[in-house]
PDB file of N, CA and C in Angstrom:
ATOM      1  N   MET A   1      12.831   6.692 -27.015  1.00  0.00           N
ATOM      2  CA  MET A   1      12.313   5.633 -26.473  1.00  0.00           C
ATOM      3  C   MET A   1      11.958   4.914 -25.308  1.00  0.00           C
ATOM      4  N   MET A   2      10.600   4.272 -24.938  1.00  0.00           N
ATOM      5  CA  MET A   2      10.269   3.876 -24.034  1.00  0.00           C
ATOM      6  C   MET A   2      11.065   3.001 -23.248  1.00  0.00           C
ATOM      7  N   GLN A   3      11.491   3.127 -21.899  1.00  0.00           N
ATOM      8  CA  GLN A   3      12.447   1.817 -21.020  1.00  0.00           C
ATOM      9  C   GLN A   3      11.324   0.943 -20.897  1.00  0.00           C
ATOM     10  N   SER A   4      11.442  -0.103 -20.698  1.00  0.00           N
ATOM     11  CA  SER A   4      10.512  -0.962 -19.956  1.00  0.00           C
ATOM     12  C   SER A   4      11.369  -2.001 -19.446  1.00  0.00           C
ATOM     13  N   GLN A   5      10.662  -2.354 -18.602  1.00  0.00           N
ATOM     14  CA  GLN A   5      11.330  -3.588 -17.313  1.00  0.00           C
ATOM     15  C   GLN A   5      10.325  -4.907 -17.846  1.00  0.00           C
ATOM     16  N   SER A   6      10.761  -5.919 -18.134  1.00  0.00           N
ATOM     17  CA  SER A   6       9.755  -6.946 -18.386  1.00  0.00           C
ATOM     18  C   SER A   6      10.173  -8.381 -16.855  1.00  0.00           C
ATOM     19  N   GLY A   7       9.049  -9.329 -16.685  1.00  0.00           N
ATOM     20  CA  GLY A   7       9.169 -10.045 -15.988  1.00  0.00           C
ATOM     21  C   GLY A   7       9.096  -9.855 -14.616  1.00  0.00           C
ATOM     22  N   PRO A   8       9.302 -10.248 -13.553  1.00  0.00           N
ATOM     23  CA  PRO A   8       8.737  -9.835 -12.179  1.00  0.00           C
ATOM     24  C   PRO A   8      10.660  -9.665 -12.599  1.00  0.00           C
ATOM     25  N   THR A   9      10.108  -7.889 -11.575  1.00  0.00           N
ATOM     26  CA  THR A   9      11.543  -7.115 -11.508  1.00  0.00           C
ATOM     27  C   THR A   9      12.727  -7.769 -10.766  1.00  0.00           C
ATOM     28  N   PRO A  10      13.719  -7.652 -10.869  1.00  0.00           N
ATOM     29  CA  PRO A  10      14.609  -8.494  -9.983  1.00  0.00           C
ATOM     30  C   PRO A  10      15.100  -7.487  -8.812  1.00  0.00           C
ATOM     31  N   GLY A  11      15.111  -8.671  -7.998  1.00  0.00           N
ATOM     32  CA  GLY A  11      15.306  -6.761  -6.724  1.00  0.00           C
ATOM     33  C   GLY A  11      13.968  -6.231  -6.058  1.00  0.00           C
ATOM     34  N   GLY A  12      12.963  -6.766  -7.123  1.00  0.00           N
ATOM     35  CA  GLY A  12      11.668  -6.218  -6.382  1.00  0.00           C
ATOM     36  C   GLY A  12      10.941  -5.028  -7.130  1.00  0.00           C
ATOM     37  N   PRO A  13      10.041  -4.156  -6.456  1.00  0.00           N
ATOM     38  CA  PRO A  13       9.693  -4.517  -5.109  1.00  0.00           C
ATOM     39  C   PRO A  13       8.308  -5.395  -4.868  1.00  0.00           C
ATOM     40  N   PHE A  14       8.013  -5.889  -4.410  1.00  0.00           N
ATOM     41  CA  PHE A  14       6.744  -6.927  -3.762  1.00  0.00           C
ATOM     42  C   PHE A  14       6.110  -5.885  -3.334  1.00  0.00           C
ATOM     43  N   ARG A  15       4.774  -5.920  -3.989  1.00  0.00           N
ATOM     44  CA  ARG A  15       3.705  -5.315  -3.680  1.00  0.00           C
ATOM     45  C   ARG A  15       2.349  -5.414  -3.235  1.00  0.00           C
ATOM     46  N   VAL A  16       2.419  -4.805  -2.590  1.00  0.00           N
ATOM     47  CA  VAL A  16       0.650  -5.313  -1.680  1.00  0.00           C
ATOM     48  C   VAL A  16      -0.080  -4.399  -1.590  1.00  0.00           C
ATOM     49  N   ILE A  17      -1.609  -4.496  -2.454  1.00  0.00           N
ATOM     50  CA  ILE A  17      -2.751  -3.536  -2.396  1.00  0.00           C
ATOM     51  C   ILE A  17      -3.365  -3.911  -1.794  1.00  0.00           C
ATOM     52  N   LEU A  18      -3.985  -3.105  -0.899  1.00  0.00           N
ATOM     53  CA  LEU A  18      -4.817  -3.354   0.193  1.00  0.00           C
ATOM     54  C   LEU A  18      -6.598  -2.415  -0.081  1.00  0.00           C
ATOM     55  N   ARG A  19      -7.477  -3.421  -0.292  1.00  0.00           N
ATOM     56  CA  ARG A  19      -9.113  -2.502  -1.034  1.00  0.00           C
ATOM     57  C   ARG A  19      -9.440  -1.984   1.134  1.00  0.00           C
ATOM     58  N   MET A  20      -9.918  -1.140   1.055  1.00  0.00           N
ATOM     59  CA  MET A  20     -10.434  -0.792   2.433  1.00  0.00           C
ATOM     60  C   MET A  20     -11.743   0.065   2.424  1.00  0.00           C
ATOM     61  N   GLU A  21     -12.818  -0.765   2.658  1.00  0.00           N
ATOM     62  CA  GLU A  21     -13.650   0.460   2.622  1.00  0.00           C
ATOM     63  C   GLU A  21     -14.310   0.538   4.058  1.00  0.00           C
ATOM     64  N   VAL A  22     -14.564   1.980   4.332  1.00  0.00           N
ATOM     65  CA  VAL A  22     -14.296   2.958   5.346  1.00  0.00           C
ATOM     66  C   VAL A  22     -15.731   3.218   5.816  1.00  0.00           C
ATOM     67  N   PHE A  23     -16.121   3.249   7.104  1.00  0.00           N
ATOM     68  CA  PHE A  23     -17.490   4.198   6.927  1.00  0.00           C
ATOM     69  C   PHE A  23     -17.626   5.839   6.836  1.00  0.00           C
ATOM     70  N   PRO A  24     -18.098   6.105   5.599  1.00  0.00           N
ATOM     71  CA  PRO A  24     -18.062   7.346   5.035  1.00  0.00           C
ATOM     72  C   PRO A  24     -17.817   8.498   5.988  1.00  0.00           C
ATOM     73  N   GLU A  25     -18.833   8.719   6.974  1.00  0.00           N
ATOM     74  CA  GLU A  25     -18.910   9.199   8.434  1.00  0.00           C
ATOM     75  C   GLU A  25     -17.470   9.572   8.988  1.00  0.00           C
ATOM     76  N   MET A  26     -16.461   8.731   8.766  1.00  0.00           N
ATOM     77  CA  MET A  26     -15.336   8.153   9.482  1.00  0.00           C
ATOM     78  C   MET A  26     -14.163   8.560   8.545  1.00  0.00           C
ATOM     79  N   ALA A  27     -14.236   9.067   7.369  1.00  0.00           N
ATOM     80  CA  ALA A  27     -13.634   9.243   6.685  1.00  0.00           C
ATOM     81  C   ALA A  27     -11.836   9.739   7.096  1.00  0.00           C
ATOM     82  N   ALA A  28     -12.412  11.102   6.857  1.00  0.00           N
ATOM     83  CA  ALA A  28     -11.407  12.016   7.471  1.00  0.00           C
ATOM     84  C   ALA A  28     -10.333  11.525   8.960  1.00  0.00           C
ATOM     85  N   ASP A  29     -11.173  11.253   9.671  1.00  0.00           N
ATOM     86  CA  ASP A  29     -10.346  10.641  11.184  1.00  0.00           C
ATOM     87  C   ASP A  29      -9.530   9.154  10.845  1.00  0.00           C
ATOM     88  N   PHE A  30     -10.283   8.282   9.373  1.00  0.00           N
ATOM     89  CA  PHE A  30      -9.530   6.853   8.726  1.00  0.00           C
ATOM     90  C   PHE A  30      -8.178   7.469   8.467  1.00  0.00           C
ATOM     91  N   GLU A  31      -8.142   8.716   7.385  1.00  0.00           N
ATOM     92  CA  GLU A  31      -7.313   9.510   7.208  1.00  0.00           C
ATOM     93  C   GLU A  31      -5.843   9.866   7.878  1.00  0.00           C
ATOM     94  N   LYS A  32      -6.694  10.245   8.635  1.00  0.00           N
ATOM     95  CA  LYS A  32      -5.458  10.712   9.967  1.00  0.00           C
ATOM     96  C   LYS A  32      -4.470   9.304  10.478  1.00  0.00           C
ATOM     97  N   VAL A  33      -5.462   8.756  11.126  1.00  0.00           N
ATOM     98  CA  VAL A  33      -5.192   7.221  11.274  1.00  0.00           C
ATOM     99  C   VAL A  33      -4.121   6.723  10.535  1.00  0.00           C
ATOM    100  N   TRP A  34      -4.596   6.787   9.400  1.00  0.00           N
ATOM    101  CA  TRP A  34      -3.747   6.016   8.450  1.00  0.00           C
ATOM    102  C   TRP A  34      -2.346   6.742   8.053  1.00  0.00           C
ATOM    103  N   LEU A  35      -2.650   7.932   8.360  1.00  0.00           N
ATOM    104  CA  LEU A  35      -0.979   8.463   7.683  1.00  0.00           C
ATOM    105  C   LEU A  35      -0.384   8.163   9.355  1.00  0.00           C
ATOM    106  N   SER A  36      -0.870   8.546  10.212  1.00  0.00           N
ATOM    107  CA  SER A  36       0.139   8.403  11.614  1.00  0.00           C
ATOM    108  C   SER A  36       0.542   6.437  11.414  1.00  0.00           C
ATOM    109  N   ILE A  37      -0.244   5.582  11.113  1.00  0.00           N
ATOM    110  CA  ILE A  37       0.438   4.435  11.294  1.00  0.00           C
ATOM    111  C   ILE A  37       1.529   4.337   9.681  1.00  0.00           C
ATOM    112  N   GLY A  38       1.144   4.937   8.709  1.00  0.00           N
ATOM    113  CA  GLY A  38       2.074   4.719   7.867  1.00  0.00           C
ATOM    114  C   GLY A  38       3.347   5.310   7.743  1.00  0.00           C
ATOM    115  N   GLU A  39       3.500   6.340   8.554  1.00  0.00           N
ATOM    116  CA  GLU A  39       4.725   7.251   8.975  1.00  0.00           C
ATOM    117  C   GLU A  39       5.785   6.112   9.891  1.00  0.00           C
ATOM    118  N   GLY A  40       4.437   5.429  10.350  1.00  0.00           N
ATOM    119  CA  GLY A  40       5.560   4.728  11.278  1.00  0.00           C
ATOM    120  C   GLY A  40       6.303   3.246  10.263  1.00  0.00           C
ATOM    121  N   ILE A  41       5.222   2.910   9.096  1.00  0.00           N
ATOM    122  CA  ILE A  41       5.611   1.811   8.762  1.00  0.00           C
ATOM    123  C   ILE A  41       6.754   2.143   7.698  1.00  0.00           C
ATOM    124  N   ALA A  42       6.777   3.461   7.307  1.00  0.00           N
ATOM    125  CA  ALA A  42       8.256   4.068   6.451  1.00  0.00           C
ATOM    126  C   ALA A  42       9.105   4.058   7.188  1.00  0.00           C
ATOM    127  N   HIS A  43       9.406   3.548   8.080  1.00  0.00           N
ATOM    128  CA  HIS A  43      10.701   3.181   9.286  1.00  0.00           C
ATOM    129  C   HIS A  43      11.540   2.052   9.007  1.00  0.00           C
ATOM    130  N   GLU A  44      10.697   1.056   8.556  1.00  0.00           N
ATOM    131  CA  GLU A  44      10.266  -0.107   8.310  1.00  0.00           C
ATOM    132  C   GLU A  44      11.401  -0.064   7.504  1.00  0.00           C
ATOM    133  N   PRO A  45      13.063  -1.216   8.080  1.00  0.00           N
ATOM    134  CA  PRO A  45      13.717  -1.187   6.447  1.00  0.00           C
ATOM    135  C   PRO A  45      13.317  -1.836   5.509  1.00  0.00           C
ATOM    136  N   ALA A  46      12.739  -2.532   5.464  1.00  0.00           N
ATOM    137  CA  ALA A  46      12.055  -3.464   4.634  1.00  0.00           C
ATOM    138  C   ALA A  46      10.991  -2.878   3.464  1.00  0.00           C
ATOM    139  N   ASN A  47      10.299  -1.801   3.956  1.00  0.00           N
ATOM    140  CA  ASN A  47       9.575  -1.155   3.218  1.00  0.00           C
ATOM    141  C   ASN A  47       9.750  -0.090   2.386  1.00  0.00           C
ATOM    142  N   ARG A  48       9.314  -0.122   1.102  1.00  0.00           N
ATOM    143  CA  ARG A  48      10.204   0.523  -0.182  1.00  0.00           C
ATOM    144  C   ARG A  48       8.847   1.936  -0.582  1.00  0.00           C
ATOM    145  N   GLY A  49       8.041   2.035   0.177  1.00  0.00           N
ATOM    146  CA  GLY A  49       6.537   2.809  -0.160  1.00  0.00           C
ATOM    147  C   GLY A  49       5.718   2.499   0.371  1.00  0.00           C
ATOM    148  N   GLN A  50       4.951   3.686   0.000  1.00  0.00           N
ATOM    149  CA  GLN A  50       3.360   3.294   0.359  1.00  0.00           C
ATOM    150  C   GLN A  50       2.523   4.657   0.128  1.00  0.00           C
ATOM    151  N   VAL A  51       1.412   4.358  -0.774  1.00  0.00           N
ATOM    152  CA  VAL A  51       0.319   5.768  -0.896  1.00  0.00           C
ATOM    153  C   VAL A  51      -0.832   4.813  -0.627  1.00  0.00           C
ATOM    154  N   LEU A  52      -1.873   5.903   0.035  1.00  0.00           N
ATOM    155  CA  LEU A  52      -3.612   5.703   0.150  1.00  0.00           C
ATOM    156  C   LEU A  52      -3.849   6.762  -0.888  1.00  0.00           C
ATOM    157  N   VAL A  53      -4.672   5.690  -1.388  1.00  0.00           N
ATOM    158  CA  VAL A  53      -5.706   6.705  -2.996  1.00  0.00           C
ATOM    159  C   VAL A  53      -7.042   6.578  -2.032  1.00  0.00           C
ATOM    160  N   ARG A  54      -7.698   7.438  -2.523  1.00  0.00           N
ATOM    161  CA  ARG A  54      -9.531   7.677  -2.006  1.00  0.00           C
ATOM    162  C   ARG A  54     -10.078   7.497  -3.413  1.00  0.00           C
ATOM    163  N   SER A  55     -11.195   7.039  -3.491  1.00  0.00           N
ATOM    164  CA  SER A  55     -11.667   6.604  -4.679  1.00  0.00           C
ATOM    165  C   SER A  55     -12.738   7.690  -4.911  1.00  0.00           C
ATOM    166  N   THR A  56     -12.599   8.266  -6.370  1.00  0.00           N
ATOM    167  CA  THR A  56     -13.781   9.802  -6.442  1.00  0.00           C
ATOM    168  C   THR A  56     -14.761   8.966  -6.944  1.00  0.00           C
ATOM    169  N   GLN A  57     -15.092   7.715  -7.077  1.00  0.00           N
ATOM    170  CA  GLN A  57     -16.383   7.155  -7.789  1.00  0.00           C
ATOM    171  C   GLN A  57     -17.549   6.528  -6.603  1.00  0.00           C
ATOM    172  N   GLU A  58     -16.424   5.810  -5.275  1.00  0.00           N
ATOM    173  CA  GLU A  58     -17.387   5.606  -4.364  1.00  0.00           C
ATOM    174  C   GLU A  58     -17.304   5.966  -2.843  1.00  0.00           C
ATOM    175  N   GLU A  59     -17.903   6.296  -2.283  1.00  0.00           N
ATOM    176  CA  GLU A  59     -17.900   7.181  -1.180  1.00  0.00           C
ATOM    177  C   GLU A  59     -17.220   6.034   0.128  1.00  0.00           C
ATOM    178  N   GLY A  60     -15.747   6.127   0.996  1.00  0.00           N
ATOM    179  CA  GLY A  60     -15.420   5.367   1.357  1.00  0.00           C
ATOM    180  C   GLY A  60     -14.375   4.195   1.095  1.00  0.00           C
ATOM    181  N   LEU A  61     -14.067   3.999  -0.095  1.00  0.00           N
ATOM    182  CA  LEU A  61     -13.663   3.369  -0.518  1.00  0.00           C
ATOM    183  C   LEU A  61     -11.608   3.719  -0.783  1.00  0.00           C
ATOM    184  N   TYR A  62     -11.195   3.615   0.137  1.00  0.00           N
ATOM    185  CA  TYR A  62      -9.506   3.430  -0.250  1.00  0.00           C
ATOM    186  C   TYR A  62      -8.880   2.200  -0.671  1.00  0.00           C
ATOM    187  N   PHE A  63      -7.611   2.460  -1.366  1.00  0.00           N
ATOM    188  CA  PHE A  63      -6.741   1.561  -1.993  1.00  0.00           C
ATOM    189  C   PHE A  63      -5.561   1.914  -1.023  1.00  0.00           C
ATOM    190  N   VAL A  64      -4.544   1.014  -0.658  1.00  0.00           N
ATOM    191  CA  VAL A  64      -3.152   1.169  -0.283  1.00  0.00           C
ATOM    192  C   VAL A  64      -2.439   0.696  -1.050  1.00  0.00           C
ATOM    193  N   PHE A  65      -1.298   1.195  -1.833  1.00  0.00           N
ATOM    194  CA  PHE A  65      -0.495   0.072  -2.403  1.00  0.00           C
ATOM    195  C   PHE A  65       0.731   0.852  -1.525  1.00  0.00           C
ATOM    196  N   THR A  66       1.839  -0.628  -1.296  1.00  0.00           N
ATOM    197  CA  THR A  66       2.553  -0.264  -0.544  1.00  0.00           C
ATOM    198  C   THR A  66       3.977  -1.291  -1.136  1.00  0.00           C
ATOM    199  N   ASP A  67       5.115  -0.950  -1.479  1.00  0.00           N
ATOM    200  CA  ASP A  67       5.510  -1.834  -1.393  1.00  0.00           C
ATOM    201  C   ASP A  67       6.827  -2.268  -0.747  1.00  0.00           C
ATOM    202  N   TRP A  68       7.514  -3.356  -0.859  1.00  0.00           N
ATOM    203  CA  TRP A  68       8.361  -4.545   0.048  1.00  0.00           C
ATOM    204  C   TRP A  68       9.473  -4.538  -0.210  1.00  0.00           C
ATOM    205  N   SER A  69      10.982  -4.896   0.037  1.00  0.00           N
ATOM    206  CA  SER A  69      11.936  -5.625  -0.367  1.00  0.00           C
ATOM    207  C   SER A  69      11.494  -6.813  -1.084  1.00  0.00           C
ATOM    208  N   ASP A  70      11.135  -7.653  -0.216  1.00  0.00           N
ATOM    209  CA  ASP A  70      10.839  -8.903  -0.907  1.00  0.00           C
ATOM    210  C   ASP A  70       9.392  -9.496  -0.062  1.00  0.00           C
ATOM    211  N   GLU A  71       8.845 -10.709  -0.468  1.00  0.00           N
ATOM    212  CA  GLU A  71       7.661 -11.144  -0.044  1.00  0.00           C
ATOM    213  C   GLU A  71       7.988 -11.727   1.701  1.00  0.00           C
ATOM    214  N   GLN A  72       9.175 -12.016   2.082  1.00  0.00           N
ATOM    215  CA  GLN A  72       9.088 -12.697   3.082  1.00  0.00           C
ATOM    216  C   GLN A  72       9.514 -11.709   4.244  1.00  0.00           C
ATOM    217  N   GLU A  73      10.290 -10.951   3.962  1.00  0.00           N
ATOM    218  CA  GLU A  73      10.317  -9.531   4.720  1.00  0.00           C
ATOM    219  C   GLU A  73       8.469  -8.461   4.808  1.00  0.00           C
ATOM    220  N   PHE A  74       7.835  -8.752   4.183  1.00  0.00           N
ATOM    221  CA  PHE A  74       6.388  -8.566   4.378  1.00  0.00           C
ATOM    222  C   PHE A  74       6.040  -8.971   5.109  1.00  0.00           C
ATOM    223  N   ARG A  75       5.897 -10.780   5.008  1.00  0.00           N
ATOM    224  CA  ARG A  75       5.329 -11.471   5.597  1.00  0.00           C
ATOM    225  C   ARG A  75       5.923 -11.571   7.096  1.00  0.00           C
ATOM    226  N   ASP A  76       7.318 -11.363   7.429  1.00  0.00           N
ATOM    227  CA  ASP A  76       7.720 -11.147   8.535  1.00  0.00           C
ATOM    228  C   ASP A  76       6.986  -9.899   9.758  1.00  0.00           C
ATOM    229  N   PHE A  77       6.798  -8.563   8.454  1.00  0.00           N
ATOM    230  CA  PHE A  77       6.044  -7.528   9.309  1.00  0.00           C
ATOM    231  C   PHE A  77       5.045  -7.632   9.505  1.00  0.00           C
ATOM    232  N   GLU A  78       3.932  -8.301   8.475  1.00  0.00           N
ATOM    233  CA  GLU A  78       2.468  -8.267   8.570  1.00  0.00           C
ATOM    234  C   GLU A  78       2.216  -9.416   9.878  1.00  0.00           C
ATOM    235  N   LEU A  79       2.939  -9.957  10.241  1.00  0.00           N
ATOM    236  CA  LEU A  79       2.902 -10.866  11.146  1.00  0.00           C
ATOM    237  C   LEU A  79       3.318 -10.848  12.473  1.00  0.00           C
ATOM    238  N   SER A  80       3.860  -9.241  12.579  1.00  0.00           N
ATOM    239  CA  SER A  80       3.956  -8.965  13.867  1.00  0.00           C
ATOM    240  C   SER A  80       3.723  -8.311  14.794  1.00  0.00           C
ATOM    241  N   HIS A  81       3.817  -8.284  16.018  1.00  0.00           N
ATOM    242  CA  HIS A  81       2.911  -7.589  16.912  1.00  0.00           C
ATOM    243  C   HIS A  81       2.819  -6.100  16.610  1.00  0.00           C
ATOM    244  N   ARG A  82       3.599  -5.208  16.367  1.00  0.00           N
ATOM    245  CA  ARG A  82       3.475  -4.491  15.929  1.00  0.00           C
ATOM    246  C   ARG A  82       2.325  -3.874  14.572  1.00  0.00           C
ATOM    247  N   HIS A  83       2.448  -4.991  14.056  1.00  0.00           N
ATOM    248  CA  HIS A  83       1.321  -4.567  12.689  1.00  0.00           C
ATOM    249  C   HIS A  83       0.368  -4.932  13.023  1.00  0.00           C
ATOM    250  N   THR A  84       0.128  -5.830  14.232  1.00  0.00           N
ATOM    251  CA  THR A  84      -1.208  -6.196  15.019  1.00  0.00           C
ATOM    252  C   THR A  84      -2.037  -5.291  15.572  1.00  0.00           C
ATOM    253  N   LEU A  85      -0.924  -4.135  16.304  1.00  0.00           N
ATOM    254  CA  LEU A  85      -1.482  -3.172  16.961  1.00  0.00           C
ATOM    255  C   LEU A  85      -1.965  -1.955  15.412  1.00  0.00           C
ATOM    256  N   ASN A  86      -1.348  -1.845  14.691  1.00  0.00           N
ATOM    257  CA  ASN A  86      -1.765  -1.210  13.596  1.00  0.00           C
ATOM    258  C   ASN A  86      -3.284  -1.417  12.894  1.00  0.00           C
ATOM    259  N   ARG A  87      -3.326  -2.860  12.640  1.00  0.00           N
ATOM    260  CA  ARG A  87      -4.868  -3.008  12.115  1.00  0.00           C
ATOM    261  C   ARG A  87      -5.728  -2.634  13.126  1.00  0.00           C
ATOM    262  N   GLN A  88      -5.520  -3.367  14.476  1.00  0.00           N
ATOM    263  CA  GLN A  88      -6.611  -2.710  15.405  1.00  0.00           C
ATOM    264  C   GLN A  88      -6.627  -0.988  15.400  1.00  0.00           C
ATOM    265  N   ARG A  89      -6.105  -0.673  15.500  1.00  0.00           N
ATOM    266  CA  ARG A  89      -6.458   0.918  15.447  1.00  0.00           C
ATOM    267  C   ARG A  89      -7.085   1.620  14.130  1.00  0.00           C
ATOM    268  N   LEU A  90      -6.676   0.567  12.891  1.00  0.00           N
ATOM    269  CA  LEU A  90      -8.109   0.706  11.617  1.00  0.00           C
ATOM    270  C   LEU A  90      -9.207   0.267  12.045  1.00  0.00           C
ATOM    271  N   LYS A  91      -9.235  -0.762  12.811  1.00  0.00           N
ATOM    272  CA  LYS A  91     -10.582  -1.534  12.700  1.00  0.00           C
ATOM    273  C   LYS A  91     -12.003  -0.505  12.825  1.00  0.00           C
ATOM    274  N   PRO A  92     -11.743   0.187  13.957  1.00  0.00           N
ATOM    275  CA  PRO A  92     -12.783   0.518  14.045  1.00  0.00           C
ATOM    276  C   PRO A  92     -13.452   1.911  13.111  1.00  0.00           C
ATOM    277  N   PHE A  93     -12.771   1.909  11.453  1.00  0.00           N
ATOM    278  CA  PHE A  93     -13.218   2.777  10.756  1.00  0.00           C
ATOM    279  C   PHE A  93     -13.506   1.706   9.667  1.00  0.00           C
ATOM    280  N   ARG A  94     -13.601   0.921   9.595  1.00  0.00           N
ATOM    281  CA  ARG A  94     -13.559  -0.540   8.338  1.00  0.00           C
ATOM    282  C   ARG A  94     -14.472  -1.520   8.648  1.00  0.00           C
ATOM    283  N   ARG A  95     -15.545  -0.866   7.197  1.00  0.00           N
ATOM    284  CA  ARG A  95     -16.991  -1.783   7.086  1.00  0.00           C
ATOM    285  C   ARG A  95     -16.129  -3.414   6.742  1.00  0.00           C
ATOM    286  N   SER A  96     -14.843  -3.234   5.705  1.00  0.00           N
ATOM    287  CA  SER A  96     -14.750  -4.064   4.804  1.00  0.00           C
ATOM    288  C   SER A  96     -13.305  -4.164   4.623  1.00  0.00           C
ATOM    289  N   GLY A  97     -12.579  -5.159   3.742  1.00  0.00           N
ATOM    290  CA  GLY A  97     -11.447  -5.040   3.145  1.00  0.00           C
ATOM    291  C   GLY A  97     -10.825  -6.106   2.154  1.00  0.00           C
ATOM    292  N   ALA A  98      -9.623  -6.256   1.613  1.00  0.00           N
ATOM    293  CA  ALA A  98      -8.973  -7.225   1.412  1.00  0.00           C
ATOM    294  C   ALA A  98      -7.465  -6.844   0.910  1.00  0.00           C
ATOM    295  N   MET A  99      -6.856  -7.700   0.683  1.00  0.00           N
ATOM    296  CA  MET A  99      -5.590  -7.694   0.337  1.00  0.00           C
ATOM    297  C   MET A  99      -5.066  -8.576  -0.644  1.00  0.00           C
ATOM    298  N   ASP A 100      -4.155  -8.059  -1.939  1.00  0.00           N
ATOM    299  CA  ASP A 100      -4.080  -9.091  -2.799  1.00  0.00           C
ATOM    300  C   ASP A 100      -2.304  -8.123  -2.565  1.00  0.00           C
ATOM    301  N   VAL A 101      -1.586  -9.620  -3.030  1.00  0.00           N
ATOM    302  CA  VAL A 101      -0.131  -9.557  -2.944  1.00  0.00           C
ATOM    303  C   VAL A 101       0.386  -9.860  -4.335  1.00  0.00           C
ATOM    304  N   THR A 102       1.084  -9.549  -4.447  1.00  0.00           N
ATOM    305  CA  THR A 102       1.473  -9.095  -6.026  1.00  0.00           C
ATOM    306  C   THR A 102       2.943  -9.367  -6.389  1.00  0.00           C
ATOM    307  N   GLU A 103       3.171  -9.363  -7.914  1.00  0.00           N
ATOM    308  CA  GLU A 103       4.874  -8.788  -8.067  1.00  0.00           C
ATOM    309  C   GLU A 103       5.248  -8.090  -9.089  1.00  0.00           C
ATOM    310  N   VAL A 104       5.998  -7.407  -9.502  1.00  0.00           N
ATOM    311  CA  VAL A 104       5.816  -6.229 -10.368  1.00  0.00           C
ATOM    312  C   VAL A 104       6.110  -7.129 -12.052  1.00  0.00           C
ATOM    313  N   VAL A 105       5.253  -6.826 -12.753  1.00  0.00           N
ATOM    314  CA  VAL A 105       5.894  -7.518 -14.360  1.00  0.00           C
ATOM    315  C   VAL A 105       6.418  -6.700 -15.361  1.00  0.00           C
ATOM    316  N   HIS A 106       5.683  -5.527 -15.757  1.00  0.00           N
ATOM    317  CA  HIS A 106       5.936  -5.150 -16.375  1.00  0.00           C
ATOM    318  C   HIS A 106       6.428  -3.405 -15.814  1.00  0.00           C
ATOM    319  N   ARG A 107       6.958  -2.634 -16.219  1.00  0.00           N
ATOM    320  CA  ARG A 107       7.291  -0.992 -14.990  1.00  0.00           C
ATOM    321  C   ARG A 107       7.461  -0.437 -16.426  1.00  0.00           C
ATOM    322  N   LEU A 108       7.077   0.435 -17.063  1.00  0.00           N
ATOM    323  CA  LEU A 108       7.365   1.760 -17.700  1.00  0.00           C
ATOM    324  C   LEU A 108       7.598   2.730 -17.314  1.00  0.00           C
ATOM    325  N   ASP A 109       8.571   3.425 -17.800  1.00  0.00           N
ATOM    326  CA  ASP A 109       9.005   4.526 -16.458  1.00  0.00           C
ATOM    327  C   ASP A 109       8.053   5.920 -17.467  1.00  0.00           C
ATOM    328  N   ARG A 110       8.687   7.344 -17.153  1.00  0.00           N
ATOM    329  CA  ARG A 110       7.978   7.968 -18.113  1.00  0.00           C
ATOM    330  C   ARG A 110       9.140   8.495 -19.247  1.00  0.00           C
ATOM    331  N   VAL A 111       8.779   8.908 -20.490  1.00  0.00           N
ATOM    332  CA  VAL A 111       9.371   9.063 -21.443  1.00  0.00           C
ATOM    333  C   VAL A 111       9.520  10.560 -21.252  1.00  0.00           C
ATOM    334  N   PRO A 112      10.500  11.364 -21.510  1.00  0.00           N
ATOM    335  CA  PRO A 112      10.411  13.175 -21.170  1.00  0.00           C
ATOM    336  C   PRO A 112       9.953  13.279 -22.871  1.00  0.00           C
ATOM    337  N   ALA A 113       9.550  14.607 -22.971  1.00  0.00           N
ATOM    338  CA  ALA A 113       9.360  14.958 -24.181  1.00  0.00           C
ATOM    339  C   ALA A 113      10.433  15.363 -24.912  1.00  0.00           C
ATOM    340  N   ALA A 114      10.348  15.203 -26.391  1.00  0.00           N
ATOM    341  CA  ALA A 114      11.537  15.143 -27.207  1.00  0.00           C
ATOM    342  C   ALA A 114      11.620  17.190 -27.384  1.00  0.00           C
ATOM    343  N   SER A 115      12.809  17.541 -27.129  1.00  0.00           N
ATOM    344  CA  SER A 115      12.933  18.510 -27.487  1.00  0.00           C
ATOM    345  C   SER A 115      13.418  19.269 -29.037  1.00  0.00           C
TER     346      SER A 115
END
């Protein structure tokens, strides 16, 4: 039977989705810098994980999915000096971007195959 969690999932995560359009000729360097920044963010106590994905349909289009323990912890990090430095490091690669903050409403876990 499929296990589902409905409603805002108690205890998070608070999920942030970033859309980043980078200059295609700078994509490899962008990925290296993002990884370096991401490794630092992974040490933030409120960070619950992150993933960088690249579009297979639009050159230079990336999405970042990052989870936080709660909105306040994310907002504190977002306004911090260390995160300002992160954004400055990524700015030369980006043509544009957008951020959406979300909460998990439903989560469906993988169901193992029946034996």
